[in-house]
Amino acid sequence: MELSSAKTDFGPAIRRDGLEIIWGTFRPPSVGNMDLSVSTRPSTSDPWSTPISLGPVVNSVGADNRPALSFDGTELYFQSTRSGGFGAQDLYVSRRTKLKQPD
């Protein structure tokens, strides 16, 4: 799967095992201004899956971008302009208890 699109995509974060990539994008469907999308693959020699939005669990009506993954891949740090922050752009973290292995 080719990850490039006609929309603006930037700031990729690749999990250290190379099986997951998360990036900021303007491609639809979107929750807000800019969302984070993810693609996975079973092995580093396989193509990427069709990208999907991280949805409203992570994305907001603001701009969510600049992802970074923790060493173990269970924490996603990102920048957002969502309401309730302290400045124009704030840092947030989303945690998962375990990694989902690609199909």
N, C-alpha and C. Protein backbone atom coordinates (compact mmCIF):
# COMPACT_ATOMS: atom_id res chain seq x y z
N MET A 1 0.86 -1.19 0.00
CA MET A 1 0.00 0.00 0.00
C MET A 1 0.89 1.23 0.00
N GLU A 2 0.64 2.12 -0.91
CA GLU A 2 1.34 3.39 -0.95
C GLU A 2 0.70 4.30 0.08
N LEU A 3 1.51 4.91 0.95
CA LEU A 3 0.96 5.77 2.00
C LEU A 3 0.77 7.21 1.56
N SER A 4 1.41 7.63 0.50
CA SER A 4 1.26 9.01 0.03
C SER A 4 -0.15 9.25 -0.46
N SER A 5 -0.59 10.50 -0.33
CA SER A 5 -1.92 10.87 -0.79
C SER A 5 -1.88 12.26 -1.41
N ALA A 6 -2.98 12.66 -2.00
CA ALA A 6 -3.09 14.00 -2.58
C ALA A 6 -3.22 15.06 -1.49
N LYS A 7 -3.54 14.64 -0.28
CA LYS A 7 -3.66 15.56 0.86
C LYS A 7 -2.30 15.73 1.52
N THR A 8 -2.19 16.72 2.41
CA THR A 8 -0.95 16.96 3.13
C THR A 8 -0.78 15.91 4.22
N ASP A 9 0.34 15.21 4.21
CA ASP A 9 0.71 14.22 5.22
C ASP A 9 2.10 14.60 5.73
N PHE A 10 2.30 14.54 7.05
CA PHE A 10 3.63 14.86 7.55
C PHE A 10 3.85 14.34 8.97
N GLY A 11 5.10 14.40 9.41
CA GLY A 11 5.48 14.06 10.77
C GLY A 11 5.31 12.61 11.14
N PRO A 12 5.78 11.65 10.33
CA PRO A 12 5.57 10.25 10.67
C PRO A 12 6.38 9.79 11.88
N ALA A 13 5.78 8.91 12.65
CA ALA A 13 6.46 8.23 13.76
C ALA A 13 6.33 6.74 13.48
N ILE A 14 7.46 6.06 13.39
CA ILE A 14 7.46 4.63 13.11
C ILE A 14 7.84 3.87 14.38
N ARG A 15 7.02 2.89 14.74
CA ARG A 15 7.32 2.06 15.91
C ARG A 15 8.66 1.36 15.68
N ARG A 16 9.43 1.14 16.73
CA ARG A 16 10.80 0.65 16.57
C ARG A 16 10.91 -0.70 15.89
N ASP A 17 9.83 -1.52 15.92
CA ASP A 17 9.87 -2.80 15.21
C ASP A 17 9.52 -2.64 13.73
N GLY A 18 9.15 -1.41 13.32
CA GLY A 18 8.85 -1.12 11.92
C GLY A 18 7.49 -1.61 11.44
N LEU A 19 6.61 -2.00 12.37
CA LEU A 19 5.32 -2.58 11.98
C LEU A 19 4.14 -1.62 12.07
N GLU A 20 4.39 -0.41 12.53
CA GLU A 20 3.32 0.58 12.67
C GLU A 20 3.88 1.96 12.38
N ILE A 21 3.09 2.77 11.67
CA ILE A 21 3.45 4.16 11.39
C ILE A 21 2.24 5.04 11.68
N ILE A 22 2.48 6.16 12.35
CA ILE A 22 1.42 7.11 12.69
C ILE A 22 1.87 8.48 12.20
N TRP A 23 0.97 9.24 11.60
CA TRP A 23 1.34 10.56 11.08
C TRP A 23 0.14 11.50 11.10
N GLY A 24 0.43 12.80 10.97
CA GLY A 24 -0.61 13.81 10.87
C GLY A 24 -1.05 13.96 9.42
N THR A 25 -2.35 14.18 9.21
CA THR A 25 -2.85 14.26 7.85
C THR A 25 -4.13 15.09 7.76
N PHE A 26 -4.37 15.62 6.58
CA PHE A 26 -5.63 16.31 6.29
C PHE A 26 -6.57 15.41 5.50
N ARG A 27 -6.22 14.15 5.28
CA ARG A 27 -7.07 13.27 4.45
C ARG A 27 -8.34 12.88 5.20
N PRO A 28 -9.44 12.71 4.47
CA PRO A 28 -10.70 12.30 5.09
C PRO A 28 -10.69 10.79 5.37
N PRO A 29 -11.56 10.30 6.23
CA PRO A 29 -12.47 11.10 7.06
C PRO A 29 -11.70 11.72 8.22
N SER A 30 -12.17 12.84 8.70
CA SER A 30 -11.46 13.48 9.79
C SER A 30 -12.42 13.92 10.88
N VAL A 31 -11.88 13.97 12.09
CA VAL A 31 -12.65 14.44 13.25
C VAL A 31 -12.56 15.96 13.30
N GLY A 32 -11.42 16.50 12.89
CA GLY A 32 -11.23 17.95 12.98
C GLY A 32 -10.36 18.48 11.87
N ASN A 33 -9.59 19.49 12.21
CA ASN A 33 -8.74 20.19 11.26
C ASN A 33 -7.67 19.27 10.68
N MET A 34 -6.92 18.63 11.53
CA MET A 34 -5.89 17.67 11.12
C MET A 34 -5.94 16.52 12.10
N ASP A 35 -5.86 15.31 11.61
CA ASP A 35 -5.96 14.12 12.46
C ASP A 35 -4.72 13.25 12.36
N LEU A 36 -4.61 12.34 13.30
CA LEU A 36 -3.56 11.32 13.26
C LEU A 36 -4.14 10.07 12.64
N SER A 37 -3.39 9.48 11.72
CA SER A 37 -3.78 8.23 11.07
C SER A 37 -2.71 7.19 11.33
N VAL A 38 -3.07 5.92 11.16
CA VAL A 38 -2.16 4.81 11.42
C VAL A 38 -2.23 3.79 10.29
N SER A 39 -1.11 3.15 10.05
CA SER A 39 -1.04 2.03 9.12
C SER A 39 -0.13 0.99 9.75
N THR A 40 -0.42 -0.29 9.52
CA THR A 40 0.38 -1.37 10.08
C THR A 40 0.77 -2.36 8.98
N ARG A 41 1.65 -3.27 9.33
CA ARG A 41 2.03 -4.35 8.41
C ARG A 41 2.53 -5.53 9.23
N PRO A 42 2.36 -6.76 8.72
CA PRO A 42 2.76 -7.96 9.46
C PRO A 42 4.27 -8.10 9.64
N SER A 43 5.05 -7.64 8.66
CA SER A 43 6.51 -7.69 8.76
C SER A 43 7.07 -6.51 7.97
N THR A 44 8.33 -6.21 8.19
CA THR A 44 8.93 -5.06 7.51
C THR A 44 9.09 -5.28 6.01
N SER A 45 8.94 -6.51 5.55
CA SER A 45 9.01 -6.77 4.11
C SER A 45 7.64 -6.73 3.44
N ASP A 46 6.58 -6.56 4.24
CA ASP A 46 5.21 -6.48 3.71
C ASP A 46 4.82 -5.03 3.46
N PRO A 47 3.83 -4.80 2.58
CA PRO A 47 3.34 -3.44 2.35
C PRO A 47 2.50 -2.97 3.54
N TRP A 48 2.35 -1.67 3.65
CA TRP A 48 1.53 -1.08 4.71
C TRP A 48 0.05 -1.34 4.44
N SER A 49 -0.74 -1.42 5.51
CA SER A 49 -2.19 -1.57 5.39
C SER A 49 -2.80 -0.24 4.95
N THR A 50 -4.06 -0.28 4.55
CA THR A 50 -4.78 0.95 4.22
C THR A 50 -4.82 1.83 5.47
N PRO A 51 -4.43 3.09 5.38
CA PRO A 51 -4.42 3.97 6.55
C PRO A 51 -5.82 4.16 7.12
N ILE A 52 -5.88 4.24 8.45
CA ILE A 52 -7.14 4.55 9.14
C ILE A 52 -6.90 5.66 10.14
N SER A 53 -7.91 6.47 10.37
CA SER A 53 -7.85 7.53 11.36
C SER A 53 -7.85 6.92 12.76
N LEU A 54 -7.16 7.54 13.69
CA LEU A 54 -7.21 7.09 15.08
C LEU A 54 -8.54 7.45 15.73
N GLY A 55 -9.37 8.20 15.02
CA GLY A 55 -10.73 8.48 15.47
C GLY A 55 -10.81 9.41 16.66
N PRO A 56 -12.03 9.59 17.20
CA PRO A 56 -12.25 10.55 18.27
C PRO A 56 -11.64 10.15 19.62
N VAL A 57 -11.17 8.92 19.75
CA VAL A 57 -10.49 8.53 20.99
C VAL A 57 -9.20 9.32 21.14
N VAL A 58 -8.53 9.62 20.02
CA VAL A 58 -7.28 10.39 20.03
C VAL A 58 -7.47 11.76 19.37
N ASN A 59 -8.10 11.80 18.22
CA ASN A 59 -8.25 13.04 17.46
C ASN A 59 -9.35 13.94 18.03
N SER A 60 -9.17 15.24 17.82
CA SER A 60 -10.13 16.23 18.31
C SER A 60 -10.58 17.11 17.15
N VAL A 61 -11.43 18.09 17.44
CA VAL A 61 -11.85 19.03 16.40
C VAL A 61 -10.74 20.02 16.06
N GLY A 62 -9.70 20.07 16.88
CA GLY A 62 -8.54 20.91 16.60
C GLY A 62 -7.58 20.19 15.67
N ALA A 63 -6.36 20.68 15.62
CA ALA A 63 -5.31 20.05 14.80
C ALA A 63 -4.48 19.13 15.69
N ASP A 64 -4.46 17.85 15.37
CA ASP A 64 -3.69 16.85 16.12
C ASP A 64 -2.57 16.36 15.21
N ASN A 65 -1.32 16.53 15.63
CA ASN A 65 -0.21 16.19 14.75
C ASN A 65 1.08 15.96 15.53
N ARG A 66 2.17 15.78 14.81
CA ARG A 66 3.52 15.57 15.34
C ARG A 66 3.59 14.40 16.34
N PRO A 67 3.21 13.20 15.92
CA PRO A 67 3.23 12.05 16.82
C PRO A 67 4.64 11.57 17.14
N ALA A 68 4.77 10.97 18.31
CA ALA A 68 6.01 10.30 18.73
C ALA A 68 5.59 9.11 19.58
N LEU A 69 6.22 7.97 19.36
CA LEU A 69 5.90 6.76 20.11
C LEU A 69 6.96 6.49 21.17
N SER A 70 6.52 5.97 22.32
CA SER A 70 7.46 5.57 23.36
C SER A 70 8.27 4.37 22.87
N PHE A 71 9.35 4.05 23.57
CA PHE A 71 10.23 2.96 23.17
C PHE A 71 9.48 1.64 23.04
N ASP A 72 8.55 1.37 23.97
CA ASP A 72 7.80 0.10 23.91
C ASP A 72 6.55 0.20 23.03
N GLY A 73 6.27 1.38 22.48
CA GLY A 73 5.14 1.55 21.57
C GLY A 73 3.78 1.65 22.22
N THR A 74 3.72 1.71 23.55
CA THR A 74 2.42 1.76 24.23
C THR A 74 1.94 3.19 24.51
N GLU A 75 2.81 4.17 24.34
CA GLU A 75 2.42 5.57 24.55
C GLU A 75 2.62 6.37 23.27
N LEU A 76 1.60 7.13 22.93
CA LEU A 76 1.64 8.02 21.77
C LEU A 76 1.60 9.45 22.28
N TYR A 77 2.65 10.19 22.03
CA TYR A 77 2.71 11.61 22.39
C TYR A 77 2.42 12.41 21.13
N PHE A 78 1.65 13.48 21.28
CA PHE A 78 1.32 14.29 20.10
C PHE A 78 0.98 15.71 20.51
N GLN A 79 1.01 16.59 19.54
CA GLN A 79 0.69 18.01 19.72
C GLN A 79 -0.75 18.23 19.27
N SER A 80 -1.47 19.12 19.98
CA SER A 80 -2.85 19.38 19.61
C SER A 80 -3.24 20.82 19.94
N THR A 81 -4.17 21.34 19.12
CA THR A 81 -4.74 22.67 19.38
C THR A 81 -6.13 22.53 19.99
N ARG A 82 -6.45 21.35 20.52
CA ARG A 82 -7.79 21.11 21.10
C ARG A 82 -8.08 22.08 22.24
N SER A 83 -9.35 22.28 22.52
CA SER A 83 -9.75 23.18 23.60
C SER A 83 -9.37 22.57 24.95
N GLY A 84 -9.20 23.42 25.94
CA GLY A 84 -8.88 22.97 27.28
C GLY A 84 -7.40 22.93 27.58
N GLY A 85 -6.57 23.30 26.61
CA GLY A 85 -5.13 23.31 26.83
C GLY A 85 -4.67 24.60 27.48
N PHE A 86 -3.36 24.73 27.65
CA PHE A 86 -2.79 25.90 28.30
C PHE A 86 -2.26 26.94 27.32
N GLY A 87 -2.06 26.56 26.09
CA GLY A 87 -1.53 27.47 25.08
C GLY A 87 -2.16 27.18 23.73
N ALA A 88 -1.57 27.75 22.70
CA ALA A 88 -2.10 27.53 21.36
C ALA A 88 -1.95 26.07 20.94
N GLN A 89 -0.81 25.46 21.32
CA GLN A 89 -0.56 24.05 21.01
C GLN A 89 0.02 23.39 22.25
N ASP A 90 -0.58 22.29 22.64
CA ASP A 90 -0.15 21.58 23.84
C ASP A 90 0.20 20.14 23.52
N LEU A 91 0.93 19.50 24.44
CA LEU A 91 1.31 18.11 24.29
C LEU A 91 0.35 17.21 25.04
N TYR A 92 0.02 16.08 24.43
CA TYR A 92 -0.89 15.10 25.02
C TYR A 92 -0.29 13.72 24.88
N VAL A 93 -0.78 12.79 25.70
CA VAL A 93 -0.34 11.40 25.59
C VAL A 93 -1.57 10.49 25.59
N SER A 94 -1.53 9.48 24.75
CA SER A 94 -2.56 8.45 24.72
C SER A 94 -1.85 7.13 25.00
N ARG A 95 -2.42 6.32 25.90
CA ARG A 95 -1.77 5.07 26.29
C ARG A 95 -2.62 3.87 25.90
N ARG A 96 -1.93 2.79 25.52
CA ARG A 96 -2.61 1.51 25.28
C ARG A 96 -1.90 0.47 26.15
N THR A 97 -2.64 -0.51 26.60
CA THR A 97 -2.06 -1.49 27.53
C THR A 97 -1.18 -2.51 26.83
N LYS A 98 -1.47 -2.80 25.57
CA LYS A 98 -0.63 -3.74 24.83
C LYS A 98 -0.68 -3.40 23.35
N LEU A 99 0.29 -3.90 22.63
CA LEU A 99 0.36 -3.65 21.20
C LEU A 99 -0.52 -4.64 20.46
N LYS A 100 -1.28 -4.14 19.51
CA LYS A 100 -2.07 -5.01 18.63
C LYS A 100 -1.16 -5.43 17.49
N GLN A 101 -1.05 -6.70 17.28
CA GLN A 101 -0.23 -7.19 16.18
C GLN A 101 -1.00 -7.04 14.87
N PRO A 102 -0.34 -6.60 13.83
CA PRO A 102 -1.01 -6.44 12.53
C PRO A 102 -1.61 -7.75 12.04
N ASP A 103 -2.71 -7.64 11.29
CA ASP A 103 -3.35 -8.84 10.74
C ASP A 103 -2.52 -9.44 9.64
